[in-house]
Amino acid sequence: MSTDRRKFLRNITLGGGLLATGIPSFAGSLATTDEEVERSSQFESGKQSFNMCGYAAPKIPTVRIGIVGLGQRGSGAVERLSYIDGVEIVALCDKYADRVAKAQKTLEKAKRAKAKEYSGEDGWKALCESNDIDLVYNVTPWHLHTPINLLAMKNGRHAATEVNAGLTIDQCWELVETSEKTKKHCMMLENCCYDFFELLTLNMARQGLFGELVQGEGAYIHDLSKDYLFNKNAYADMWRLKQNYQLHGNLYPTHGLGPIAQCMNINRGDKMDHLVSMSTNDFTLNNLAKEMAAKDSFFNEFVDKPYRGNMNTTMIRTSKGKNIMLQHDVSTLRPYSRLHLLSGTKGVAQKYPGPEKIAFGHSWIKKEELDDLYKKYTPPIVKHIGEIAKEVGGHGGMDFIMDWRLIDCLRNGLALDQDVYDAAAWSSIIPLSDRSVDKKSRTVDIPDFTRGAWKTNAPVNLTLDGGATTTVRKVEKK
């Protein structure tokens, strides 16, 4: 075992990890260094201490949840989770105490017991160390995802984290090592894997209707510039705007990548091998910073920062010779698109621009034929909980399907649909695309976080075998 790997594992055992070695989690540059690449190669050449893919943790009949981060996404999570039976929301945490108080009112409205309260800069540390929590549900700014997930697992809790799970390759490896060592789940809450069309196409791909998948295409194209990035009230400490000048690649790859990776059995029969990434220059963000600063001195510090380019395109090659194309643009005037395209030897499916489309020849099939495919190939999870999910809400219901499935798996001791290797591999596109962009779009290798286990790991289970025992409360919504 190499010296670096021994030091890495010793730090995890001591509870510090890379965050205790002086590597910054947010301040300064997040660029991937040559030393980090070398460390990654050494970790990859080692062996798993335990394979978390397909791991069924012991059953938890009543899942006690601590929710960290009660802003836009977190407040919605409190409401959604309060509908699920077999759940107790026992702890609420946010930097700002007023958000905790607001979430308590949500629980009260849902006729749920009052949760223990944590607040302040380090409130999350006390929550993760609490003895009455089974699952830490992490909905914080990106730079806090890894440290919270790590502390949760090291204290015997499962971790469910909003995207992205990590911002650096070191962080991704630390998540993998810690999950394997503790045998605690670290699931990235990639809700787009649970959208209705994505689940339909996953089942159709599994049934061979598209033949051999050749290419997948995904995107996150969503103009956030004025309403979110430069909105003083949208994000605490302007953290999301800051991310747009600390990294220059694809900052938000997993919405497009997650569903495609599942359809292509990434980490479960194939793996992502290498990528190339290219970005345009920035034609809007610095101009907007100057415009905002002219009206409000608050924005002076954001003028002339090295903003990422408006559009990033990343091409990924898999070990079996398939392609994945990802795009990211949150700063130009384009209609929203979360592209989901699967192209195979027998057919193609596409969502965005709408309506949803499927073809088995030169023309898209008619709506009536698409409706028939939905009836025949909608997977059991949607048939079981889909209509209830639409009623509860959360991006049209996909958020609730995700939450319900997570809880049902934990309660019944089932393997999760997404594991720590998915969290690490999908998140790694952020720093790796940044590295490629900074090196004039040169090829960058993608680590195999499964360390060879992808060759035998089983695909995601599309059945509800052994589960579907978790019911949903009927709580009136106002």
Protein backbone atom coordinates (compact mmCIF):
# COMPACT_ATOMS: atom_id res chain seq x y z
CA MET A 1 0.00 0.00 0.00
CA SER A 2 1.37 3.44 -0.93
CA THR A 3 2.31 6.03 1.67
CA ASP A 4 -0.36 8.44 0.39
CA ARG A 5 -3.04 5.79 0.61
CA ARG A 6 -2.00 4.84 4.17
CA LYS A 7 -2.12 8.50 5.18
CA PHE A 8 -5.53 8.89 3.51
CA LEU A 9 -7.01 5.91 5.37
CA ARG A 10 -5.39 6.95 8.66
CA ASN A 11 -6.99 10.39 8.39
CA ILE A 12 -10.40 8.81 7.81
CA THR A 13 -9.94 6.58 10.85
CA LEU A 14 -9.02 9.61 12.95
CA GLY A 15 -12.12 11.41 11.72
CA GLY A 16 -10.38 14.13 9.76
CA GLY A 17 -9.95 12.97 6.20
CA LEU A 18 -8.61 15.28 3.53
CA LEU A 19 -10.51 18.19 5.00
CA ALA A 20 -8.18 17.98 8.00
CA THR A 21 -5.00 17.96 5.94
CA GLY A 22 -5.25 21.57 4.84
CA ILE A 23 -6.96 21.04 1.49
CA PRO A 24 -9.58 23.82 1.23
CA SER A 25 -13.21 22.78 0.82
CA PHE A 26 -14.40 26.08 -0.64
CA ALA A 27 -12.00 28.98 -0.40
CA GLY A 28 -9.53 29.50 -3.21
CA SER A 29 -9.04 27.36 -6.27
CA LEU A 30 -10.78 24.01 -6.63
CA ALA A 31 -8.75 23.05 -9.69
CA THR A 32 -7.55 19.44 -9.89
CA THR A 33 -3.80 19.29 -9.40
CA ASP A 34 -1.33 16.79 -10.82
CA GLU A 35 -0.76 15.55 -7.28
CA GLU A 36 -4.47 14.89 -6.85
CA VAL A 37 -4.52 12.93 -10.10
CA GLU A 38 -1.59 10.85 -8.90
CA ARG A 39 -3.32 10.16 -5.57
CA SER A 40 -6.44 9.11 -7.44
CA SER A 41 -4.45 6.64 -9.54
CA GLN A 42 -3.00 5.11 -6.39
CA PHE A 43 -6.42 4.76 -4.76
CA GLU A 44 -7.83 3.24 -7.94
CA SER A 45 -5.07 0.63 -8.07
CA GLY A 46 -6.00 -0.59 -4.60
CA LYS A 47 -8.81 -2.92 -3.57
CA GLN A 48 -12.25 -2.26 -2.20
CA SER A 49 -12.53 -2.80 1.53
CA PHE A 50 -16.21 -3.59 0.94
CA ASN A 51 -18.44 -3.38 -2.14
CA MET A 52 -21.32 -0.99 -1.44
CA CYS A 53 -23.01 -1.71 -4.78
CA GLY A 54 -25.94 -3.99 -4.02
CA TYR A 55 -25.35 -3.74 -0.28
CA ALA A 56 -28.48 -4.26 1.81
CA ALA A 57 -27.98 -2.55 5.17
CA PRO A 58 -29.88 -3.86 8.21
CA LYS A 59 -33.57 -2.94 8.25
CA ILE A 60 -34.64 0.26 9.98
CA PRO A 61 -38.41 -0.10 10.63
CA THR A 62 -38.71 3.57 11.60
CA VAL A 63 -36.16 5.82 9.93
CA ARG A 64 -35.15 8.72 12.16
CA ILE A 65 -34.08 11.62 9.95
CA GLY A 66 -32.02 14.72 10.62
CA ILE A 67 -32.36 17.35 7.89
CA VAL A 68 -29.49 19.80 7.41
CA GLY A 69 -30.17 22.87 5.30
CA LEU A 70 -33.65 24.38 5.29
CA GLY A 71 -33.50 26.81 2.40
CA GLN A 72 -35.27 26.34 -0.93
CA ARG A 73 -34.70 22.61 -1.33
CA GLY A 74 -34.53 21.73 2.34
CA SER A 75 -37.87 23.25 3.27
CA GLY A 76 -39.52 21.23 0.50
CA ALA A 77 -37.83 18.06 1.75
CA VAL A 78 -39.30 18.57 5.22
CA GLU A 79 -42.79 18.75 3.76
CA ARG A 80 -42.36 15.75 1.44
CA LEU A 81 -40.80 13.48 4.06
CA SER A 82 -43.56 14.34 6.54
CA TYR A 83 -46.01 12.47 4.31
CA ILE A 84 -44.15 9.17 4.55
CA ASP A 85 -45.06 6.62 7.21
CA GLY A 86 -42.22 4.85 8.98
CA VAL A 87 -40.38 8.16 9.25
CA GLU A 88 -39.62 10.41 12.19
CA ILE A 89 -38.06 13.80 11.47
CA VAL A 90 -36.17 14.09 14.73
CA ALA A 91 -33.74 16.93 13.98
CA LEU A 92 -33.72 20.14 11.96
CA CYS A 93 -30.63 22.21 11.28
CA ASP A 94 -29.81 25.40 9.44
CA LYS A 95 -27.27 28.17 9.79
CA TYR A 96 -30.19 30.53 10.35
CA ALA A 97 -32.46 29.82 13.32
CA ASP A 98 -35.54 31.40 11.70
CA ARG A 99 -35.48 28.73 9.00
CA VAL A 100 -35.53 26.03 11.67
CA ALA A 101 -38.55 27.68 13.28
CA LYS A 102 -40.31 27.79 9.92
CA ALA A 103 -39.64 24.08 9.34
CA GLN A 104 -41.07 23.30 12.78
CA LYS A 105 -44.32 24.89 11.66
CA THR A 106 -44.33 22.58 8.64
CA LEU A 107 -44.05 19.59 10.96
CA GLU A 108 -46.80 20.96 13.18
CA LYS A 109 -49.08 21.40 10.20
CA ALA A 110 -48.41 17.78 9.22
CA LYS A 111 -49.25 16.68 12.78
CA ARG A 112 -45.67 15.59 13.33
CA ALA A 113 -43.76 15.79 16.59
CA LYS A 114 -41.48 18.75 17.17
CA ALA A 115 -37.89 18.08 16.09
CA LYS A 116 -34.71 18.89 17.98
CA GLU A 117 -33.22 22.15 16.76
CA TYR A 118 -29.67 22.94 15.63
CA SER A 119 -28.45 26.22 14.18
CA GLY A 120 -25.34 28.31 13.62
CA GLU A 121 -22.23 27.70 11.55
CA ASP A 122 -21.43 24.35 13.20
CA GLY A 123 -24.91 23.11 14.07
CA TRP A 124 -24.57 20.33 11.54
CA LYS A 125 -21.67 18.82 13.45
CA ALA A 126 -23.77 18.34 16.59
CA LEU A 127 -26.62 16.91 14.52
CA CYS A 128 -24.37 14.33 12.85
CA GLU A 129 -22.98 13.31 16.23
CA SER A 130 -26.44 12.87 17.77
CA ASN A 131 -27.30 9.32 18.85
CA ASP A 132 -30.95 9.38 17.78
CA ILE A 133 -30.54 9.71 14.00
CA ASP A 134 -30.42 6.98 11.34
CA LEU A 135 -30.25 9.15 8.21
CA VAL A 136 -28.73 12.59 7.64
CA TYR A 137 -30.55 14.30 4.78
CA ASN A 138 -28.11 16.90 3.45
CA VAL A 139 -29.52 19.93 1.60
CA THR A 140 -26.77 22.49 2.15
CA PRO A 141 -24.54 24.60 -0.15
CA TRP A 142 -22.26 22.45 -2.29
CA HIS A 143 -19.04 23.01 -0.33
CA LEU A 144 -20.66 21.49 2.77
CA HIS A 145 -21.91 18.30 1.11
CA THR A 146 -18.76 16.23 1.55
CA PRO A 147 -17.88 17.22 5.15
CA ILE A 148 -21.46 16.61 6.34
CA ASN A 149 -21.72 13.28 4.52
CA LEU A 150 -18.40 12.15 5.98
CA LEU A 151 -19.23 13.10 9.55
CA ALA A 152 -22.63 11.42 9.26
CA MET A 153 -21.14 8.13 8.08
CA LYS A 154 -18.29 8.21 10.60
CA ASN A 155 -20.92 8.55 13.35
CA GLY A 156 -22.90 5.56 12.10
CA ARG A 157 -25.54 7.38 10.04
CA HIS A 158 -26.54 6.84 6.44
CA ALA A 159 -26.13 9.95 4.29
CA ALA A 160 -28.44 11.23 1.57
CA THR A 161 -27.03 14.29 -0.13
CA GLU A 162 -28.28 16.79 -2.62
CA VAL A 163 -26.23 17.05 -5.79
CA ASN A 164 -23.33 17.26 -6.13
CA ALA A 165 -21.77 14.86 -3.63
CA GLY A 166 -18.24 16.22 -4.01
CA LEU A 167 -16.40 19.04 -5.74
CA THR A 168 -12.92 17.50 -5.95
CA ILE A 169 -11.51 14.10 -6.81
CA ASP A 170 -10.04 13.86 -3.30
CA GLN A 171 -13.52 14.40 -1.85
CA CYS A 172 -15.05 11.77 -4.13
CA TRP A 173 -12.47 9.19 -3.04
CA GLU A 174 -12.95 10.10 0.61
CA LEU A 175 -16.69 9.47 0.28
CA VAL A 176 -16.01 6.08 -1.30
CA GLU A 177 -13.43 5.05 1.31
CA THR A 178 -15.64 6.17 4.20
CA SER A 179 -18.78 4.46 2.91
CA GLU A 180 -16.89 1.20 2.39
CA LYS A 181 -15.22 1.39 5.79
CA THR A 182 -18.38 2.22 7.74
CA LYS A 183 -20.82 0.21 5.58
CA LYS A 184 -23.10 3.24 5.57
CA HIS A 185 -24.92 4.37 2.47
CA CYS A 186 -24.00 7.63 0.78
CA MET A 187 -26.71 8.27 -1.78
CA MET A 188 -26.78 11.34 -3.96
CA LEU A 189 -30.34 12.64 -4.24
CA GLU A 190 -30.38 12.77 -8.05
CA ASN A 191 -34.11 13.31 -8.45
CA CYS A 192 -34.05 13.25 -12.27
CA CYS A 193 -33.46 9.49 -12.12
CA TYR A 194 -37.03 9.27 -10.80
CA ASP A 195 -38.83 11.38 -13.38
CA PHE A 196 -41.52 9.54 -15.27
CA PHE A 197 -40.06 9.56 -18.78
CA GLU A 198 -36.58 8.73 -17.51
CA LEU A 199 -37.96 5.71 -15.63
CA LEU A 200 -39.94 4.64 -18.68
CA THR A 201 -36.86 4.77 -20.90
CA LEU A 202 -34.77 2.98 -18.27
CA ASN A 203 -37.20 0.05 -18.32
CA MET A 204 -37.43 0.12 -22.12
CA ALA A 205 -33.64 0.10 -22.39
CA ARG A 206 -33.49 -2.80 -19.96
CA GLN A 207 -36.02 -4.68 -22.09
CA GLY A 208 -33.91 -4.11 -25.21
CA LEU A 209 -36.34 -1.90 -27.12
CA PHE A 210 -33.62 0.54 -28.12
CA GLY A 211 -31.18 -2.24 -28.98
CA GLU A 212 -27.58 -1.61 -27.98
CA LEU A 213 -27.33 1.92 -26.61
CA VAL A 214 -24.69 3.86 -28.53
CA GLN A 215 -25.00 7.42 -27.24
CA GLY A 216 -26.66 9.29 -24.41
CA GLU A 217 -27.11 13.05 -24.22
CA GLY A 218 -28.00 15.11 -21.17
CA ALA A 219 -28.00 18.75 -20.18
CA TYR A 220 -28.79 21.37 -17.60
CA ILE A 221 -29.68 24.54 -19.47
CA HIS A 222 -31.45 26.98 -17.18
CA ASP A 223 -30.93 30.74 -17.11
CA LEU A 224 -30.21 31.46 -13.43
CA SER A 225 -28.26 34.66 -13.93
CA LYS A 226 -30.59 37.47 -12.79
CA ASP A 227 -33.16 35.65 -10.68
CA TYR A 228 -30.72 33.44 -8.76
CA LEU A 229 -26.99 33.96 -9.28
CA PHE A 230 -27.13 37.74 -8.77
CA ASN A 231 -30.06 37.69 -6.35
CA LYS A 232 -28.89 38.61 -2.83
CA ASN A 233 -31.81 36.71 -1.30
CA ALA A 234 -31.59 33.50 -3.34
CA TYR A 235 -28.54 31.80 -1.79
CA ALA A 236 -26.75 32.30 1.52
CA ASP A 237 -23.47 34.21 1.14
CA MET A 238 -23.87 34.23 -2.66
CA TRP A 239 -22.30 30.76 -2.69
CA ARG A 240 -23.69 29.66 -6.03
CA LEU A 241 -22.44 32.74 -7.84
CA LYS A 242 -18.99 32.14 -6.33
CA GLN A 243 -18.97 28.62 -7.74
CA ASN A 244 -19.25 30.11 -11.22
CA TYR A 245 -15.78 31.61 -11.03
CA GLN A 246 -14.04 28.93 -8.99
CA LEU A 247 -14.50 26.17 -11.57
CA HIS A 248 -14.66 26.40 -15.35
CA GLY A 249 -16.20 23.15 -16.52
CA ASN A 250 -19.62 21.58 -16.04
CA LEU A 251 -20.78 22.62 -12.56
CA TYR A 252 -24.01 20.64 -12.57
CA PRO A 253 -23.65 17.46 -14.61
CA THR A 254 -25.71 14.93 -12.69
CA HIS A 255 -29.25 15.89 -13.75
CA GLY A 256 -28.38 14.92 -17.30
CA LEU A 257 -25.84 12.22 -16.50
CA GLY A 258 -27.65 10.25 -13.77
CA PRO A 259 -30.55 8.85 -15.82
CA ILE A 260 -28.26 8.12 -18.78
CA ALA A 261 -25.73 6.36 -16.56
CA GLN A 262 -28.43 4.09 -15.20
CA CYS A 263 -29.70 3.28 -18.70
CA MET A 264 -26.15 2.50 -19.83
CA ASN A 265 -25.38 0.48 -16.68
CA ILE A 266 -22.46 2.70 -15.73
CA ASN A 267 -20.62 1.13 -12.75
CA ARG A 268 -22.74 -1.97 -13.40
CA GLY A 269 -21.38 -3.52 -16.59
CA ASP A 270 -19.68 -0.49 -18.10
CA LYS A 271 -17.84 2.52 -16.75
CA MET A 272 -16.92 6.03 -17.80
CA ASP A 273 -13.33 5.93 -19.06
CA HIS A 274 -12.26 9.42 -20.15
CA LEU A 275 -13.60 12.80 -21.21
CA VAL A 276 -12.85 15.96 -23.13
CA SER A 277 -14.49 19.25 -22.23
CA MET A 278 -14.77 22.65 -23.92
CA SER A 279 -16.30 25.93 -22.74
CA THR A 280 -17.09 29.17 -24.47
CA ASN A 281 -15.82 32.42 -23.03
CA ASP A 282 -18.05 34.29 -20.60
CA PHE A 283 -20.19 36.75 -22.54
CA THR A 284 -22.76 37.62 -19.86
CA LEU A 285 -21.79 37.08 -16.21
CA ASN A 286 -19.09 39.73 -15.84
CA ASN A 287 -21.17 42.19 -17.82
CA LEU A 288 -24.06 41.52 -15.45
CA ALA A 289 -21.75 41.91 -12.44
CA LYS A 290 -20.72 45.35 -13.70
CA GLU A 291 -24.34 46.30 -14.34
CA MET A 292 -25.37 45.20 -10.84
CA ALA A 293 -22.38 46.90 -9.18
CA ALA A 294 -23.26 50.19 -10.85
CA LYS A 295 -26.57 50.07 -8.98
CA ASP A 296 -25.46 48.40 -5.75
CA SER A 297 -21.94 48.43 -4.27
CA PHE A 298 -22.66 45.01 -2.73
CA PHE A 299 -21.75 43.50 -6.10
CA ASN A 300 -18.39 45.28 -6.46
CA GLU A 301 -16.49 42.20 -5.29
CA PHE A 302 -17.96 40.16 -8.14
CA VAL A 303 -16.67 42.39 -10.94
CA ASP A 304 -13.86 41.03 -13.15
CA LYS A 305 -13.82 37.58 -11.59
CA PRO A 306 -12.66 34.71 -13.83
CA TYR A 307 -16.18 33.55 -14.63
CA ARG A 308 -16.72 30.18 -16.26
CA GLY A 309 -17.80 30.17 -19.89
CA ASN A 310 -21.49 30.35 -20.66
CA MET A 311 -21.81 26.97 -22.38
CA ASN A 312 -19.79 23.90 -21.49
CA THR A 313 -19.93 20.75 -23.58
CA THR A 314 -18.34 17.58 -22.22
CA MET A 315 -17.93 14.34 -24.15
CA ILE A 316 -17.45 11.11 -22.19
CA ARG A 317 -16.27 7.80 -23.65
CA THR A 318 -17.13 4.58 -21.83
CA SER A 319 -14.98 1.48 -21.59
CA LYS A 320 -17.33 -0.31 -23.99
CA GLY A 321 -16.97 2.40 -26.61
CA LYS A 322 -20.16 4.37 -26.04
CA ASN A 323 -20.50 8.14 -25.84
CA ILE A 324 -22.20 10.48 -23.39
CA MET A 325 -22.60 14.17 -24.23
CA LEU A 326 -23.34 16.65 -21.41
CA GLN A 327 -24.04 20.38 -21.62
CA HIS A 328 -24.27 23.06 -18.97
CA ASP A 329 -25.44 26.66 -19.39
CA VAL A 330 -27.02 28.75 -16.63
CA SER A 331 -26.24 32.22 -17.94
CA THR A 332 -27.67 32.77 -21.43
CA LEU A 333 -31.22 33.37 -22.59
CA ARG A 334 -32.21 29.86 -23.61
CA PRO A 335 -35.41 28.00 -22.80
CA TYR A 336 -35.07 25.46 -19.99
CA SER A 337 -33.77 22.09 -21.09
CA ARG A 338 -32.82 19.02 -19.11
CA LEU A 339 -32.06 17.01 -22.21
CA HIS A 340 -32.54 13.25 -21.91
CA LEU A 341 -31.66 11.43 -25.11
CA LEU A 342 -30.89 7.75 -25.64
CA SER A 343 -29.78 6.55 -29.05
CA GLY A 344 -29.51 2.84 -29.79
CA THR A 345 -29.26 0.42 -32.66
CA LYS A 346 -33.04 -0.12 -32.71
CA GLY A 347 -34.54 3.12 -31.43
CA VAL A 348 -34.19 6.53 -29.84
CA ALA A 349 -35.90 8.43 -27.03
CA GLN A 350 -35.76 12.16 -26.34
CA LYS A 351 -37.15 14.62 -23.81
CA TYR A 352 -36.59 18.36 -24.19
CA PRO A 353 -37.61 20.11 -26.19
CA GLY A 354 -41.08 18.77 -25.54
CA PRO A 355 -43.14 16.81 -26.07
CA GLU A 356 -41.49 13.51 -25.12
CA LYS A 357 -40.57 11.51 -28.21
CA ILE A 358 -39.65 7.94 -29.14
CA ALA A 359 -38.77 6.57 -32.56
CA PHE A 360 -38.01 3.14 -33.98
CA GLY A 361 -37.39 4.43 -37.48
CA HIS A 362 -37.10 7.73 -39.33
CA SER A 363 -40.15 9.29 -37.69
CA TRP A 364 -41.31 9.81 -34.13
CA ILE A 365 -44.14 7.51 -33.13
CA LYS A 366 -47.62 8.98 -32.63
CA LYS A 367 -48.93 9.98 -29.23
CA GLU A 368 -51.26 6.99 -29.10
CA GLU A 369 -48.30 4.64 -29.57
CA LEU A 370 -46.34 6.48 -26.89
CA ASP A 371 -49.28 6.13 -24.53
CA ASP A 372 -49.27 2.38 -25.19
CA LEU A 373 -45.56 2.21 -24.34
CA TYR A 374 -46.25 3.98 -21.06
CA LYS A 375 -48.92 1.42 -20.23
CA LYS A 376 -46.66 -1.51 -21.07
CA TYR A 377 -43.25 -0.36 -19.83
CA THR A 378 -43.90 1.99 -16.92
CA PRO A 379 -41.89 0.32 -14.10
CA PRO A 380 -43.55 -0.93 -10.90
CA ILE A 381 -42.38 1.98 -8.75
CA VAL A 382 -44.32 4.49 -10.86
CA LYS A 383 -47.42 2.31 -10.93
CA HIS A 384 -47.20 1.93 -7.17
CA ILE A 385 -46.48 5.48 -6.03
CA GLY A 386 -46.57 7.73 -9.12
CA GLU A 387 -50.03 9.24 -8.75
CA ILE A 388 -49.51 9.89 -5.05
CA ALA A 389 -46.17 11.51 -5.91
CA LYS A 390 -47.85 13.89 -8.34
CA GLU A 391 -50.28 14.89 -5.61
CA VAL A 392 -47.55 15.50 -3.03
CA GLY A 393 -45.36 17.29 -5.56
CA GLY A 394 -41.72 18.19 -5.89
CA HIS A 395 -40.72 18.77 -9.53
CA GLY A 396 -43.91 17.13 -10.72
CA GLY A 397 -43.58 14.19 -8.32
CA MET A 398 -40.10 12.89 -9.03
CA ASP A 399 -38.76 14.30 -5.76
CA PHE A 400 -41.33 12.36 -3.78
CA ILE A 401 -40.74 9.12 -5.70
CA MET A 402 -37.06 9.49 -4.83
CA ASP A 403 -37.75 10.13 -1.14
CA TRP A 404 -40.29 7.33 -0.84
CA ARG A 405 -37.97 4.84 -2.54
CA LEU A 406 -35.04 5.78 -0.28
CA ILE A 407 -37.12 5.31 2.87
CA ASP A 408 -38.72 2.09 1.62
CA CYS A 409 -35.29 0.60 0.88
CA LEU A 410 -33.93 1.56 4.30
CA ARG A 411 -37.00 0.22 6.10
CA ASN A 412 -36.90 -3.10 4.24
CA GLY A 413 -33.14 -3.61 4.15
CA LEU A 414 -32.86 -3.29 0.36
CA ALA A 415 -29.96 -2.04 -1.73
CA LEU A 416 -30.34 1.56 -2.84
CA ASP A 417 -30.83 2.55 -6.48
CA GLN A 418 -27.84 4.90 -6.24
CA ASP A 419 -24.72 4.11 -4.25
CA VAL A 420 -21.55 5.92 -3.27
CA TYR A 421 -19.81 4.91 -6.52
CA ASP A 422 -22.53 6.65 -8.51
CA ALA A 423 -22.27 9.70 -6.25
CA ALA A 424 -18.51 9.85 -6.75
CA ALA A 425 -18.38 9.08 -10.48
CA TRP A 426 -21.20 11.41 -11.48
CA SER A 427 -19.85 14.22 -9.29
CA SER A 428 -16.28 13.75 -10.56
CA ILE A 429 -17.31 15.25 -13.90
CA ILE A 430 -17.22 18.67 -12.21
CA PRO A 431 -13.47 18.78 -11.42
CA LEU A 432 -12.48 16.63 -14.40
CA SER A 433 -14.31 18.80 -16.93
CA ASP A 434 -12.67 21.82 -15.28
CA ARG A 435 -9.25 20.20 -15.73
CA SER A 436 -9.91 19.45 -19.38
CA VAL A 437 -11.14 22.99 -20.07
CA ASP A 438 -8.07 24.48 -18.38
CA LYS A 439 -5.81 22.24 -20.49
CA LYS A 440 -7.28 23.28 -23.86
CA SER A 441 -9.76 20.40 -23.92
CA ARG A 442 -7.19 17.66 -23.52
CA THR A 443 -8.32 14.15 -22.62
CA VAL A 444 -8.75 13.48 -18.90
CA ASP A 445 -9.14 9.99 -17.43
CA ILE A 446 -12.14 9.30 -15.19
CA PRO A 447 -11.31 7.27 -12.06
CA ASP A 448 -12.90 3.88 -11.56
CA PHE A 449 -14.31 4.40 -8.09
CA THR A 450 -15.53 0.77 -8.04
CA ARG A 451 -11.92 -0.45 -8.52
CA GLY A 452 -12.94 -3.08 -11.06
CA ALA A 453 -16.20 -4.17 -9.44
CA TRP A 454 -18.17 -2.57 -12.30
CA LYS A 455 -17.51 -5.69 -14.34
CA THR A 456 -19.71 -7.82 -12.07
CA ASN A 457 -21.97 -5.33 -10.25
CA ALA A 458 -25.67 -5.99 -10.94
CA PRO A 459 -27.78 -3.35 -12.74
CA VAL A 460 -30.26 -1.23 -10.79
CA ASN A 461 -33.21 -3.33 -9.64
CA LEU A 462 -36.40 -2.12 -11.31
CA THR A 463 -38.71 -4.33 -9.24
CA LEU A 464 -40.20 -3.66 -5.83
CA ASP A 465 -39.37 -7.16 -4.61
CA GLY A 466 -38.99 -7.25 -0.86
CA GLY A 467 -40.31 -3.71 -0.46
CA ALA A 468 -43.28 -1.46 -1.18
CA THR A 469 -44.41 -1.75 2.44
CA THR A 470 -44.08 1.97 3.17
CA THR A 471 -47.38 3.82 3.17
CA VAL A 472 -48.10 7.50 2.70
CA ARG A 473 -50.06 9.64 5.11
CA LYS A 474 -53.08 11.56 3.94
CA VAL A 475 -52.35 15.07 5.09
CA GLU A 476 -54.37 17.95 3.72
CA LYS A 477 -52.35 20.50 1.84
CA LYS A 478 -53.34 24.15 1.96
